[in-house]
Amino acid sequence: MINSAYGQHALSRAQIYRWYKTFKDGRENVEDEPRSGRRSSSRTDENVTRVKAVLDTDRRMDIRLIADEVRIPKTVVHRIVTGDLSMGKICAKLVPEEQKETRLSICQDIVNLLSTEPNMLE
C-alpha cells in the first residue's frame, strides 16, 4: 500500500521495519538523534561576515576565488552565499535576491509600456 501511495519516494521495507522497531521500543518522536563527531565550524557568523566583506569589494568573484581568499571550503562558501546572504549569480556577478526581483519588475513594466505605446523608444 505504501509503494502504491508514494511510488519511488516510499521507504524501503527494511527501513519501515527499523522505524517500527524503534517506535515499539519506546521512541516517541521522529526528529534526528544527536550524532557523534565534530560539528562543522566553518559556517560561523565570523565567516559569513568575511565572505560578505570579500563580496562587497568585488561581486564578480566566483565561489572558488572567495574560498581561496577566506580559506574555507568551497561548499561552505556556496552555502553562505546562497543561504545566509541570499545571493545568486546574474551575468557573472553575485547580487542579492531582492535586487533580482526589482530588476525583473522593472523589465516587466517596460515590456508592458512598450505593448501599450509601441513608439515609445523612438
PDB file of N, CA and C in Angstrom:
ATOM      1  N   MET A   1       0.835  -1.199   0.000  1.00  0.00           N
ATOM      2  CA  MET A   1       0.000   0.000   0.000  1.00  0.00           C
ATOM      3  C   MET A   1       0.877   1.259   0.000  1.00  0.00           C
ATOM      4  N   ILE A   2       1.972   1.208   0.742  1.00  0.00           N
ATOM      5  CA  ILE A   2       2.855   2.375   0.794  1.00  0.00           C
ATOM      6  C   ILE A   2       3.475   2.628  -0.571  1.00  0.00           C
ATOM      7  N   ASN A   3       3.912   1.558  -1.243  1.00  0.00           N
ATOM      8  CA  ASN A   3       4.503   1.731  -2.573  1.00  0.00           C
ATOM      9  C   ASN A   3       3.508   2.294  -3.568  1.00  0.00           C
ATOM     10  N   SER A   4       2.266   1.867  -3.506  1.00  0.00           N
ATOM     11  CA  SER A   4       1.278   2.397  -4.445  1.00  0.00           C
ATOM     12  C   SER A   4       0.936   3.848  -4.119  1.00  0.00           C
ATOM     13  N   ALA A   5       0.993   4.222  -2.833  1.00  0.00           N
ATOM     14  CA  ALA A   5       0.668   5.594  -2.452  1.00  0.00           C
ATOM     15  C   ALA A   5       1.813   6.562  -2.732  1.00  0.00           C
ATOM     16  N   TYR A   6       3.064   6.155  -2.451  1.00  0.00           N
ATOM     17  CA  TYR A   6       4.197   7.069  -2.558  1.00  0.00           C
ATOM     18  C   TYR A   6       5.154   6.770  -3.706  1.00  0.00           C
ATOM     19  N   GLY A   7       4.987   5.657  -4.372  1.00  0.00           N
ATOM     20  CA  GLY A   7       5.833   5.330  -5.520  1.00  0.00           C
ATOM     21  C   GLY A   7       7.296   5.240  -5.150  1.00  0.00           C
ATOM     22  N   GLN A   8       8.155   5.897  -5.928  1.00  0.00           N
ATOM     23  CA  GLN A   8       9.592   5.818  -5.698  1.00  0.00           C
ATOM     24  C   GLN A   8      10.035   6.550  -4.434  1.00  0.00           C
ATOM     25  N   HIS A   9       9.172   7.373  -3.846  1.00  0.00           N
ATOM     26  CA  HIS A   9       9.522   8.113  -2.642  1.00  0.00           C
ATOM     27  C   HIS A   9       9.218   7.322  -1.365  1.00  0.00           C
ATOM     28  N   ALA A  10       8.728   6.112  -1.506  1.00  0.00           N
ATOM     29  CA  ALA A  10       8.382   5.293  -0.344  1.00  0.00           C
ATOM     30  C   ALA A  10       9.634   4.763   0.335  1.00  0.00           C
ATOM     31  N   LEU A  11       9.540   4.562   1.626  1.00  0.00           N
ATOM     32  CA  LEU A  11      10.631   3.940   2.370  1.00  0.00           C
ATOM     33  C   LEU A  11      10.754   2.478   1.975  1.00  0.00           C
ATOM     34  N   SER A  12      11.970   1.947   2.099  1.00  0.00           N
ATOM     35  CA  SER A  12      12.167   0.531   1.804  1.00  0.00           C
ATOM     36  C   SER A  12      11.552  -0.306   2.929  1.00  0.00           C
ATOM     37  N   ARG A  13      11.332  -1.569   2.638  1.00  0.00           N
ATOM     38  CA  ARG A  13      10.755  -2.478   3.623  1.00  0.00           C
ATOM     39  C   ARG A  13      11.660  -2.560   4.856  1.00  0.00           C
ATOM     40  N   ALA A  14      12.976  -2.640   4.644  1.00  0.00           N
ATOM     41  CA  ALA A  14      13.918  -2.723   5.764  1.00  0.00           C
ATOM     42  C   ALA A  14      13.842  -1.470   6.636  1.00  0.00           C
ATOM     43  N   GLN A  15      13.742  -0.298   6.018  1.00  0.00           N
ATOM     44  CA  GLN A  15      13.660   0.946   6.787  1.00  0.00           C
ATOM     45  C   GLN A  15      12.346   1.013   7.565  1.00  0.00           C
ATOM     46  N   ILE A  16      11.279   0.529   6.985  1.00  0.00           N
ATOM     47  CA  ILE A  16       9.994   0.513   7.691  1.00  0.00           C
ATOM     48  C   ILE A  16      10.093  -0.379   8.920  1.00  0.00           C
ATOM     49  N   TYR A  17      10.735  -1.541   8.772  1.00  0.00           N
ATOM     50  CA  TYR A  17      10.914  -2.434   9.927  1.00  0.00           C
ATOM     51  C   TYR A  17      11.773  -1.772  10.999  1.00  0.00           C
ATOM     52  N   ARG A  18      12.830  -1.026  10.610  1.00  0.00           N
ATOM     53  CA  ARG A  18      13.668  -0.331  11.599  1.00  0.00           C
ATOM     54  C   ARG A  18      12.865   0.717  12.359  1.00  0.00           C
ATOM     55  N   TRP A  19      12.061   1.508  11.638  1.00  0.00           N
ATOM     56  CA  TRP A  19      11.236   2.525  12.300  1.00  0.00           C
ATOM     57  C   TRP A  19      10.212   1.857  13.229  1.00  0.00           C
ATOM     58  N   TYR A  20       9.594   0.797  12.763  1.00  0.00           N
ATOM     59  CA  TYR A  20       8.614   0.083  13.579  1.00  0.00           C
ATOM     60  C   TYR A  20       9.248  -0.387  14.884  1.00  0.00           C
ATOM     61  N   LYS A  21      10.444  -0.964  14.785  1.00  0.00           N
ATOM     62  CA  LYS A  21      11.138  -1.473  15.978  1.00  0.00           C
ATOM     63  C   LYS A  21      11.465  -0.337  16.944  1.00  0.00           C
ATOM     64  N   THR A  22      11.950   0.791  16.423  1.00  0.00           N
ATOM     65  CA  THR A  22      12.309   1.885  17.329  1.00  0.00           C
ATOM     66  C   THR A  22      11.085   2.472  18.022  1.00  0.00           C
ATOM     67  N   PHE A  23       9.961   2.570  17.324  1.00  0.00           N
ATOM     68  CA  PHE A  23       8.751   3.070  17.971  1.00  0.00           C
ATOM     69  C   PHE A  23       8.194   2.044  18.957  1.00  0.00           C
ATOM     70  N   LYS A  24       8.312   0.770  18.635  1.00  0.00           N
ATOM     71  CA  LYS A  24       7.858  -0.282  19.538  1.00  0.00           C
ATOM     72  C   LYS A  24       8.698  -0.281  20.818  1.00  0.00           C
ATOM     73  N   ASP A  25       9.999   0.085  20.692  1.00  0.00           N
ATOM     74  CA  ASP A  25      10.892   0.126  21.839  1.00  0.00           C
ATOM     75  C   ASP A  25      10.724   1.389  22.675  1.00  0.00           C
ATOM     76  N   GLY A  26       9.845   2.284  22.280  1.00  0.00           N
ATOM     77  CA  GLY A  26       9.549   3.437  23.120  1.00  0.00           C
ATOM     78  C   GLY A  26       9.870   4.798  22.546  1.00  0.00           C
ATOM     79  N   ARG A  27      10.406   4.865  21.381  1.00  0.00           N
ATOM     80  CA  ARG A  27      10.694   6.172  20.796  1.00  0.00           C
ATOM     81  C   ARG A  27       9.383   6.882  20.493  1.00  0.00           C
ATOM     82  N   GLU A  28       9.342   8.213  20.759  1.00  0.00           N
ATOM     83  CA  GLU A  28       8.091   8.946  20.587  1.00  0.00           C
ATOM     84  C   GLU A  28       8.168  10.071  19.558  1.00  0.00           C
ATOM     85  N   ASN A  29       9.364  10.407  19.071  1.00  0.00           N
ATOM     86  CA  ASN A  29       9.442  11.491  18.084  1.00  0.00           C
ATOM     87  C   ASN A  29      10.212  11.034  16.852  1.00  0.00           C
ATOM     88  N   VAL A  30      10.107  11.800  15.789  1.00  0.00           N
ATOM     89  CA  VAL A  30      10.769  11.437  14.533  1.00  0.00           C
ATOM     90  C   VAL A  30      11.974  12.326  14.248  1.00  0.00           C
ATOM     91  N   GLU A  31      12.346  13.199  15.170  1.00  0.00           N
ATOM     92  CA  GLU A  31      13.496  14.077  14.990  1.00  0.00           C
ATOM     93  C   GLU A  31      14.786  13.259  15.015  1.00  0.00           C
ATOM     94  N   ASP A  32      15.806  13.749  14.326  1.00  0.00           N
ATOM     95  CA  ASP A  32      17.101  13.076  14.332  1.00  0.00           C
ATOM     96  C   ASP A  32      17.697  13.102  15.731  1.00  0.00           C
ATOM     97  N   GLU A  33      18.325  12.012  16.109  1.00  0.00           N
ATOM     98  CA  GLU A  33      19.014  11.955  17.386  1.00  0.00           C
ATOM     99  C   GLU A  33      20.405  12.547  17.213  1.00  0.00           C
ATOM    100  N   PRO A  34      20.998  13.030  18.309  1.00  0.00           N
ATOM    101  CA  PRO A  34      22.353  13.585  18.201  1.00  0.00           C
ATOM    102  C   PRO A  34      23.326  12.535  17.674  1.00  0.00           C
ATOM    103  N   ARG A  35      24.247  12.975  16.837  1.00  0.00           N
ATOM    104  CA  ARG A  35      25.228  12.076  16.249  1.00  0.00           C
ATOM    105  C   ARG A  35      26.599  12.389  16.813  1.00  0.00           C
ATOM    106  N   SER A  36      27.439  11.382  16.813  1.00  0.00           N
ATOM    107  CA  SER A  36      28.797  11.604  17.264  1.00  0.00           C
ATOM    108  C   SER A  36      29.587  12.282  16.161  1.00  0.00           C
ATOM    109  N   GLY A  37      30.706  12.847  16.509  1.00  0.00           N
ATOM    110  CA  GLY A  37      31.538  13.506  15.511  1.00  0.00           C
ATOM    111  C   GLY A  37      31.554  15.000  15.719  1.00  0.00           C
ATOM    112  N   ARG A  38      32.474  15.631  15.059  1.00  0.00           N
ATOM    113  CA  ARG A  38      32.659  17.056  15.207  1.00  0.00           C
ATOM    114  C   ARG A  38      31.696  17.814  14.312  1.00  0.00           C
ATOM    115  N   ARG A  39      31.110  18.861  14.839  1.00  0.00           N
ATOM    116  CA  ARG A  39      30.222  19.708  14.058  1.00  0.00           C
ATOM    117  C   ARG A  39      31.050  20.607  13.152  1.00  0.00           C
ATOM    118  N   SER A  40      30.452  21.037  12.081  1.00  0.00           N
ATOM    119  CA  SER A  40      31.142  21.927  11.158  1.00  0.00           C
ATOM    120  C   SER A  40      31.393  23.267  11.838  1.00  0.00           C
ATOM    121  N   SER A  41      32.609  23.724  11.759  1.00  0.00           N
ATOM    122  CA  SER A  41      32.944  25.004  12.379  1.00  0.00           C
ATOM    123  C   SER A  41      33.215  26.078  11.333  1.00  0.00           C
ATOM    124  N   SER A  42      32.998  25.756  10.068  1.00  0.00           N
ATOM    125  CA  SER A  42      33.299  26.711   9.004  1.00  0.00           C
ATOM    126  C   SER A  42      32.184  27.725   8.782  1.00  0.00           C
ATOM    127  N   ARG A  43      30.956  27.348   9.025  1.00  0.00           N
ATOM    128  CA  ARG A  43      29.822  28.232   8.727  1.00  0.00           C
ATOM    129  C   ARG A  43      29.442  29.002   9.992  1.00  0.00           C
ATOM    130  N   THR A  44      30.294  29.941  10.369  1.00  0.00           N
ATOM    131  CA  THR A  44      30.082  30.744  11.562  1.00  0.00           C
ATOM    132  C   THR A  44      29.723  32.170  11.156  1.00  0.00           C
ATOM    133  N   ASP A  45      29.260  32.952  12.125  1.00  0.00           N
ATOM    134  CA  ASP A  45      28.939  34.350  11.841  1.00  0.00           C
ATOM    135  C   ASP A  45      30.171  35.119  11.374  1.00  0.00           C
ATOM    136  N   GLU A  46      31.323  34.775  11.929  1.00  0.00           N
ATOM    137  CA  GLU A  46      32.566  35.439  11.523  1.00  0.00           C
ATOM    138  C   GLU A  46      32.877  35.160  10.055  1.00  0.00           C
ATOM    139  N   ASN A  47      32.716  33.897   9.636  1.00  0.00           N
ATOM    140  CA  ASN A  47      32.989  33.563   8.238  1.00  0.00           C
ATOM    141  C   ASN A  47      31.962  34.175   7.304  1.00  0.00           C
ATOM    142  N   VAL A  48      30.709  34.271   7.737  1.00  0.00           N
ATOM    143  CA  VAL A  48      29.687  34.936   6.916  1.00  0.00           C
ATOM    144  C   VAL A  48      30.084  36.398   6.710  1.00  0.00           C
ATOM    145  N   THR A  49      30.557  37.048   7.762  1.00  0.00           N
ATOM    146  CA  THR A  49      30.991  38.442   7.669  1.00  0.00           C
ATOM    147  C   THR A  49      32.188  38.578   6.741  1.00  0.00           C
ATOM    148  N   ARG A  50      33.139  37.636   6.836  1.00  0.00           N
ATOM    149  CA  ARG A  50      34.324  37.675   5.974  1.00  0.00           C
ATOM    150  C   ARG A  50      33.946  37.490   4.508  1.00  0.00           C
ATOM    151  N   VAL A  51      33.040  36.545   4.224  1.00  0.00           N
ATOM    152  CA  VAL A  51      32.603  36.316   2.844  1.00  0.00           C
ATOM    153  C   VAL A  51      31.882  37.550   2.318  1.00  0.00           C
ATOM    154  N   LYS A  52      31.032  38.160   3.145  1.00  0.00           N
ATOM    155  CA  LYS A  52      30.311  39.369   2.724  1.00  0.00           C
ATOM    156  C   LYS A  52      31.286  40.501   2.435  1.00  0.00           C
ATOM    157  N   ALA A  53      32.335  40.636   3.252  1.00  0.00           N
ATOM    158  CA  ALA A  53      33.334  41.686   3.022  1.00  0.00           C
ATOM    159  C   ALA A  53      34.055  41.474   1.701  1.00  0.00           C
ATOM    160  N   VAL A  54      34.395  40.231   1.385  1.00  0.00           N
ATOM    161  CA  VAL A  54      35.055  39.936   0.111  1.00  0.00           C
ATOM    162  C   VAL A  54      34.116  40.258  -1.044  1.00  0.00           C
ATOM    163  N   LEU A  55      32.845  39.890  -0.916  1.00  0.00           N
ATOM    164  CA  LEU A  55      31.873  40.174  -1.981  1.00  0.00           C
ATOM    165  C   LEU A  55      31.629  41.666  -2.144  1.00  0.00           C
ATOM    166  N   ASP A  56      31.696  42.408  -1.044  1.00  0.00           N
ATOM    167  CA  ASP A  56      31.494  43.859  -1.140  1.00  0.00           C
ATOM    168  C   ASP A  56      32.628  44.528  -1.917  1.00  0.00           C
ATOM    169  N   THR A  57      33.822  43.937  -1.869  1.00  0.00           N
ATOM    170  CA  THR A  57      34.932  44.528  -2.619  1.00  0.00           C
ATOM    171  C   THR A  57      34.843  44.207  -4.106  1.00  0.00           C
ATOM    172  N   ASP A  58      34.384  42.989  -4.442  1.00  0.00           N
ATOM    173  CA  ASP A  58      34.283  42.601  -5.857  1.00  0.00           C
ATOM    174  C   ASP A  58      33.202  41.548  -6.007  1.00  0.00           C
ATOM    175  N   ARG A  59      32.080  41.923  -6.564  1.00  0.00           N
ATOM    176  CA  ARG A  59      30.959  40.989  -6.721  1.00  0.00           C
ATOM    177  C   ARG A  59      31.151  40.031  -7.887  1.00  0.00           C
ATOM    178  N   ARG A  60      32.168  40.242  -8.694  1.00  0.00           N
ATOM    179  CA  ARG A  60      32.407  39.361  -9.830  1.00  0.00           C
ATOM    180  C   ARG A  60      33.246  38.133  -9.469  1.00  0.00           C
ATOM    181  N   MET A  61      33.682  38.051  -8.234  1.00  0.00           N
ATOM    182  CA  MET A  61      34.473  36.894  -7.802  1.00  0.00           C
ATOM    183  C   MET A  61      33.596  35.651  -7.787  1.00  0.00           C
ATOM    184  N   ASP A  62      34.175  34.535  -8.198  1.00  0.00           N
ATOM    185  CA  ASP A  62      33.402  33.299  -8.131  1.00  0.00           C
ATOM    186  C   ASP A  62      33.665  32.599  -6.799  1.00  0.00           C
ATOM    187  N   ILE A  63      32.895  31.558  -6.549  1.00  0.00           N
ATOM    188  CA  ILE A  63      32.932  30.851  -5.267  1.00  0.00           C
ATOM    189  C   ILE A  63      34.335  30.333  -4.967  1.00  0.00           C
ATOM    190  N   ARG A  64      35.012  29.817  -5.970  1.00  0.00           N
ATOM    191  CA  ARG A  64      36.350  29.249  -5.767  1.00  0.00           C
ATOM    192  C   ARG A  64      37.325  30.317  -5.287  1.00  0.00           C
ATOM    193  N   LEU A  65      37.306  31.496  -5.905  1.00  0.00           N
ATOM    194  CA  LEU A  65      38.212  32.571  -5.508  1.00  0.00           C
ATOM    195  C   LEU A  65      37.902  33.081  -4.103  1.00  0.00           C
ATOM    196  N   ILE A  66      36.608  33.171  -3.784  1.00  0.00           N
ATOM    197  CA  ILE A  66      36.226  33.601  -2.437  1.00  0.00           C
ATOM    198  C   ILE A  66      36.727  32.589  -1.412  1.00  0.00           C
ATOM    199  N   ALA A  67      36.557  31.296  -1.715  1.00  0.00           N
ATOM    200  CA  ALA A  67      37.008  30.245  -0.800  1.00  0.00           C
ATOM    201  C   ALA A  67      38.512  30.314  -0.588  1.00  0.00           C
ATOM    202  N   ASP A  68      39.258  30.578  -1.659  1.00  0.00           N
ATOM    203  CA  ASP A  68      40.707  30.716  -1.516  1.00  0.00           C
ATOM    204  C   ASP A  68      41.069  31.921  -0.659  1.00  0.00           C
ATOM    205  N   GLU A  69      40.341  33.002  -0.831  1.00  0.00           N
ATOM    206  CA  GLU A  69      40.636  34.235  -0.091  1.00  0.00           C
ATOM    207  C   GLU A  69      40.361  34.092   1.404  1.00  0.00           C
ATOM    208  N   VAL A  70      39.223  33.502   1.768  1.00  0.00           N
ATOM    209  CA  VAL A  70      38.880  33.387   3.194  1.00  0.00           C
ATOM    210  C   VAL A  70      39.330  32.064   3.811  1.00  0.00           C
ATOM    211  N   ARG A  71      39.887  31.174   2.979  1.00  0.00           N
ATOM    212  CA  ARG A  71      40.451  29.896   3.411  1.00  0.00           C
ATOM    213  C   ARG A  71      39.438  28.993   4.118  1.00  0.00           C
ATOM    214  N   ILE A  72      38.285  28.828   3.480  1.00  0.00           N
ATOM    215  CA  ILE A  72      37.295  27.847   3.927  1.00  0.00           C
ATOM    216  C   ILE A  72      36.831  27.067   2.703  1.00  0.00           C
ATOM    217  N   PRO A  73      36.242  25.876   2.880  1.00  0.00           N
ATOM    218  CA  PRO A  73      35.856  25.049   1.728  1.00  0.00           C
ATOM    219  C   PRO A  73      34.841  25.732   0.802  1.00  0.00           C
ATOM    220  N   LYS A  74      34.936  25.378  -0.484  1.00  0.00           N
ATOM    221  CA  LYS A  74      34.031  25.955  -1.489  1.00  0.00           C
ATOM    222  C   LYS A  74      32.571  25.661  -1.169  1.00  0.00           C
ATOM    223  N   THR A  75      32.296  24.454  -0.671  1.00  0.00           N
ATOM    224  CA  THR A  75      30.905  24.102  -0.378  1.00  0.00           C
ATOM    225  C   THR A  75      30.336  24.991   0.715  1.00  0.00           C
ATOM    226  N   VAL A  76      31.157  25.326   1.697  1.00  0.00           N
ATOM    227  CA  VAL A  76      30.698  26.198   2.786  1.00  0.00           C
ATOM    228  C   VAL A  76      30.482  27.612   2.261  1.00  0.00           C
ATOM    229  N   VAL A  77      31.393  28.095   1.418  1.00  0.00           N
ATOM    230  CA  VAL A  77      31.226  29.432   0.833  1.00  0.00           C
ATOM    231  C   VAL A  77      29.944  29.479   0.007  1.00  0.00           C
ATOM    232  N   HIS A  78      29.677  28.420  -0.758  1.00  0.00           N
ATOM    233  CA  HIS A  78      28.455  28.380  -1.560  1.00  0.00           C
ATOM    234  C   HIS A  78      27.221  28.439  -0.664  1.00  0.00           C
ATOM    235  N   ARG A  79      27.217  27.680   0.438  1.00  0.00           N
ATOM    236  CA  ARG A  79      26.074  27.719   1.362  1.00  0.00           C
ATOM    237  C   ARG A  79      25.917  29.093   1.993  1.00  0.00           C
ATOM    238  N   ILE A  80      27.029  29.737   2.333  1.00  0.00           N
ATOM    239  CA  ILE A  80      26.965  31.078   2.928  1.00  0.00           C
ATOM    240  C   ILE A  80      26.392  32.070   1.924  1.00  0.00           C
ATOM    241  N   VAL A  81      26.889  32.032   0.691  1.00  0.00           N
ATOM    242  CA  VAL A  81      26.446  32.997  -0.329  1.00  0.00           C
ATOM    243  C   VAL A  81      24.983  32.787  -0.675  1.00  0.00           C
ATOM    244  N   THR A  82      24.581  31.539  -0.905  1.00  0.00           N
ATOM    245  CA  THR A  82      23.197  31.301  -1.322  1.00  0.00           C
ATOM    246  C   THR A  82      22.228  31.272  -0.155  1.00  0.00           C
ATOM    247  N   GLY A  83      22.643  30.730   0.980  1.00  0.00           N
ATOM    248  CA  GLY A  83      21.738  30.594   2.121  1.00  0.00           C
ATOM    249  C   GLY A  83      21.723  31.800   3.032  1.00  0.00           C
ATOM    250  N   ASP A  84      22.874  32.131   3.610  1.00  0.00           N
ATOM    251  CA  ASP A  84      22.937  33.209   4.599  1.00  0.00           C
ATOM    252  C   ASP A  84      22.819  34.593   3.971  1.00  0.00           C
ATOM    253  N   LEU A  85      23.456  34.787   2.815  1.00  0.00           N
ATOM    254  CA  LEU A  85      23.437  36.106   2.180  1.00  0.00           C
ATOM    255  C   LEU A  85      22.356  36.235   1.118  1.00  0.00           C
ATOM    256  N   SER A  86      21.671  35.147   0.785  1.00  0.00           N
ATOM    257  CA  SER A  86      20.594  35.143  -0.225  1.00  0.00           C
ATOM    258  C   SER A  86      21.029  35.810  -1.521  1.00  0.00           C
ATOM    259  N   MET A  87      22.152  35.364  -2.055  1.00  0.00           N
ATOM    260  CA  MET A  87      22.665  35.924  -3.294  1.00  0.00           C
ATOM    261  C   MET A  87      22.748  34.838  -4.347  1.00  0.00           C
ATOM    262  N   GLY A  88      22.730  35.243  -5.601  1.00  0.00           N
ATOM    263  CA  GLY A  88      22.864  34.320  -6.707  1.00  0.00           C
ATOM    264  C   GLY A  88      23.566  35.005  -7.867  1.00  0.00           C
ATOM    265  N   LYS A  89      24.053  34.233  -8.822  1.00  0.00           N
ATOM    266  CA  LYS A  89      24.784  34.774  -9.970  1.00  0.00           C
ATOM    267  C   LYS A  89      23.827  35.347 -11.006  1.00  0.00           C
ATOM    268  N   ILE A  90      24.132  36.552 -11.477  1.00  0.00           N
ATOM    269  CA  ILE A  90      23.446  37.155 -12.620  1.00  0.00           C
ATOM    270  C   ILE A  90      24.530  37.794 -13.472  1.00  0.00           C
ATOM    271  N   CYS A  91      24.667  37.316 -14.692  1.00  0.00           N
ATOM    272  CA  CYS A  91      25.662  37.862 -15.620  1.00  0.00           C
ATOM    273  C   CYS A  91      27.038  37.938 -14.966  1.00  0.00           C
ATOM    274  N   ALA A  92      27.464  36.834 -14.361  1.00  0.00           N
ATOM    275  CA  ALA A  92      28.793  36.707 -13.742  1.00  0.00           C
ATOM    276  C   ALA A  92      28.986  37.661 -12.573  1.00  0.00           C
ATOM    277  N   LYS A  93      27.911  38.079 -11.930  1.00  0.00           N
ATOM    278  CA  LYS A  93      28.023  38.973 -10.787  1.00  0.00           C
ATOM    279  C   LYS A  93      27.056  38.496  -9.712  1.00  0.00           C
ATOM    280  N   LEU A  94      27.517  38.387  -8.468  1.00  0.00           N
ATOM    281  CA  LEU A  94      26.647  37.967  -7.374  1.00  0.00           C
ATOM    282  C   LEU A  94      25.824  39.159  -6.891  1.00  0.00           C
ATOM    283  N   VAL A  95      24.521  38.997  -6.866  1.00  0.00           N
ATOM    284  CA  VAL A  95      23.635  40.074  -6.427  1.00  0.00           C
ATOM    285  C   VAL A  95      22.613  39.514  -5.432  1.00  0.00           C
ATOM    286  N   PRO A  96      22.127  40.366  -4.510  1.00  0.00           N
ATOM    287  CA  PRO A  96      21.101  39.907  -3.580  1.00  0.00           C
ATOM    288  C   PRO A  96      19.809  39.538  -4.306  1.00  0.00           C
ATOM    289  N   GLU A  97      19.063  38.600  -3.725  1.00  0.00           N
ATOM    290  CA  GLU A  97      17.823  38.119  -4.333  1.00  0.00           C
ATOM    291  C   GLU A  97      16.821  39.248  -4.557  1.00  0.00           C
ATOM    292  N   GLU A  98      16.687  40.196  -3.607  1.00  0.00           N
ATOM    293  CA  GLU A  98      15.701  41.259  -3.776  1.00  0.00           C
ATOM    294  C   GLU A  98      16.062  42.169  -4.944  1.00  0.00           C
ATOM    295  N   GLN A  99      17.360  42.304  -5.249  1.00  0.00           N
ATOM    296  CA  GLN A  99      17.765  43.107  -6.396  1.00  0.00           C
ATOM    297  C   GLN A  99      17.352  42.421  -7.695  1.00  0.00           C
ATOM    298  N   LYS A 100      17.419  41.081  -7.722  1.00  0.00           N
ATOM    299  CA  LYS A 100      16.964  40.360  -8.908  1.00  0.00           C
ATOM    300  C   LYS A 100      15.466  40.572  -9.111  1.00  0.00           C
ATOM    301  N   GLU A 101      14.696  40.543  -8.022  1.00  0.00           N
ATOM    302  CA  GLU A 101      13.254  40.749  -8.123  1.00  0.00           C
ATOM    303  C   GLU A 101      12.930  42.153  -8.611  1.00  0.00           C
ATOM    304  N   THR A 102      13.695  43.148  -8.153  1.00  0.00           N
ATOM    305  CA  THR A 102      13.484  44.527  -8.590  1.00  0.00           C
ATOM    306  C   THR A 102      13.766  44.661 -10.079  1.00  0.00           C
ATOM    307  N   ARG A 103      14.865  44.049 -10.543  1.00  0.00           N
ATOM    308  CA  ARG A 103      15.190  44.097 -11.975  1.00  0.00           C
ATOM    309  C   ARG A 103      14.082  43.461 -12.804  1.00  0.00           C
ATOM    310  N   LEU A 104      13.574  42.333 -12.355  1.00  0.00           N
ATOM    311  CA  LEU A 104      12.502  41.656 -13.071  1.00  0.00           C
ATOM    312  C   LEU A 104      11.263  42.537 -13.151  1.00  0.00           C
ATOM    313  N   SER A 105      10.914  43.178 -12.045  1.00  0.00           N
ATOM    314  CA  SER A 105       9.742  44.047 -12.018  1.00  0.00           C
ATOM    315  C   SER A 105       9.897  45.223 -12.987  1.00  0.00           C
ATOM    316  N   ILE A 106      11.059  45.836 -13.008  1.00  0.00           N
ATOM    317  CA  ILE A 106      11.293  46.969 -13.907  1.00  0.00           C
ATOM    318  C   ILE A 106      11.209  46.523 -15.364  1.00  0.00           C
ATOM    319  N   CYS A 107      11.804  45.369 -15.676  1.00  0.00           N
ATOM    320  CA  CYS A 107      11.744  44.861 -17.053  1.00  0.00           C
ATOM    321  C   CYS A 107      10.307  44.563 -17.479  1.00  0.00           C
ATOM    322  N   GLN A 108       9.521  43.999 -16.565  1.00  0.00           N
ATOM    323  CA  GLN A 108       8.126  43.722 -16.894  1.00  0.00           C
ATOM    324  C   GLN A 108       7.355  45.016 -17.132  1.00  0.00           C
ATOM    325  N   ASP A 109       7.643  46.052 -16.349  1.00  0.00           N
ATOM    326  CA  ASP A 109       6.995  47.352 -16.555  1.00  0.00           C
ATOM    327  C   ASP A 109       7.338  47.924 -17.928  1.00  0.00           C
ATOM    328  N   ILE A 110       8.588  47.793 -18.344  1.00  0.00           N
ATOM    329  CA  ILE A 110       9.000  48.299 -19.651  1.00  0.00           C
ATOM    330  C   ILE A 110       8.306  47.535 -20.769  1.00  0.00           C
ATOM    331  N   VAL A 111       8.234  46.217 -20.639  1.00  0.00           N
ATOM    332  CA  VAL A 111       7.550  45.417 -21.655  1.00  0.00           C
ATOM    333  C   VAL A 111       6.076  45.810 -21.743  1.00  0.00           C
ATOM    334  N   ASN A 112       5.422  45.999 -20.596  1.00  0.00           N
ATOM    335  CA  ASN A 112       4.016  46.414 -20.591  1.00  0.00           C
ATOM    336  C   ASN A 112       3.845  47.794 -21.227  1.00  0.00           C
ATOM    337  N   LEU A 113       4.768  48.699 -20.945  1.00  0.00           N
ATOM    338  CA  LEU A 113       4.696  50.039 -21.508  1.00  0.00           C
ATOM    339  C   LEU A 113       4.878  49.993 -23.029  1.00  0.00           C
ATOM    340  N   LEU A 114       5.792  49.156 -23.501  1.00  0.00           N
ATOM    341  CA  LEU A 114       6.011  49.024 -24.949  1.00  0.00           C
ATOM    342  C   LEU A 114       4.812  48.399 -25.647  1.00  0.00           C
ATOM    343  N   SER A 115       4.078  47.544 -24.964  1.00  0.00           N
ATOM    344  CA  SER A 115       2.904  46.944 -25.603  1.00  0.00           C
ATOM    345  C   SER A 115       1.773  47.956 -25.737  1.00  0.00           C
ATOM    346  N   THR A 116       1.699  48.936 -24.825  1.00  0.00           N
ATOM    347  CA  THR A 116       0.647  49.958 -24.929  1.00  0.00           C
ATOM    348  C   THR A 116       1.077  51.124 -25.806  1.00  0.00           C
ATOM    349  N   GLU A 117       2.375  51.455 -25.783  1.00  0.00           N
ATOM    350  CA  GLU A 117       2.904  52.570 -26.597  1.00  0.00           C
ATOM    351  C   GLU A 117       4.088  52.067 -27.416  1.00  0.00           C
ATOM    352  N   PRO A 118       3.859  51.466 -28.585  1.00  0.00           N
ATOM    353  CA  PRO A 118       4.944  50.874 -29.360  1.00  0.00           C
ATOM    354  C   PRO A 118       5.980  51.861 -29.870  1.00  0.00           C
ATOM    355  N   ASN A 119       5.635  53.146 -29.966  1.00  0.00           N
ATOM    356  CA  ASN A 119       6.572  54.157 -30.471  1.00  0.00           C
ATOM    357  C   ASN A 119       7.348  54.841 -29.361  1.00  0.00           C
ATOM    358  N   MET A 120       7.304  54.331 -28.163  1.00  0.00           N
ATOM    359  CA  MET A 120       7.945  54.974 -27.021  1.00  0.00           C
ATOM    360  C   MET A 120       9.457  55.103 -27.207  1.00  0.00           C
ATOM    361  N   LEU A 121      10.117  54.133 -27.778  1.00  0.00           N
ATOM    362  CA  LEU A 121      11.566  54.173 -27.919  1.00  0.00           C
ATOM    363  C   LEU A 121      12.031  55.112 -29.027  1.00  0.00           C
ATOM    364  N   GLU A 122      11.146  55.511 -29.896  1.00  0.00           N
ATOM    365  CA  GLU A 122      11.517  56.429 -30.963  1.00  0.00           C
ATOM    366  C   GLU A 122      11.592  57.816 -30.374  1.00  0.00           C
TER     367      GLU A 122
END
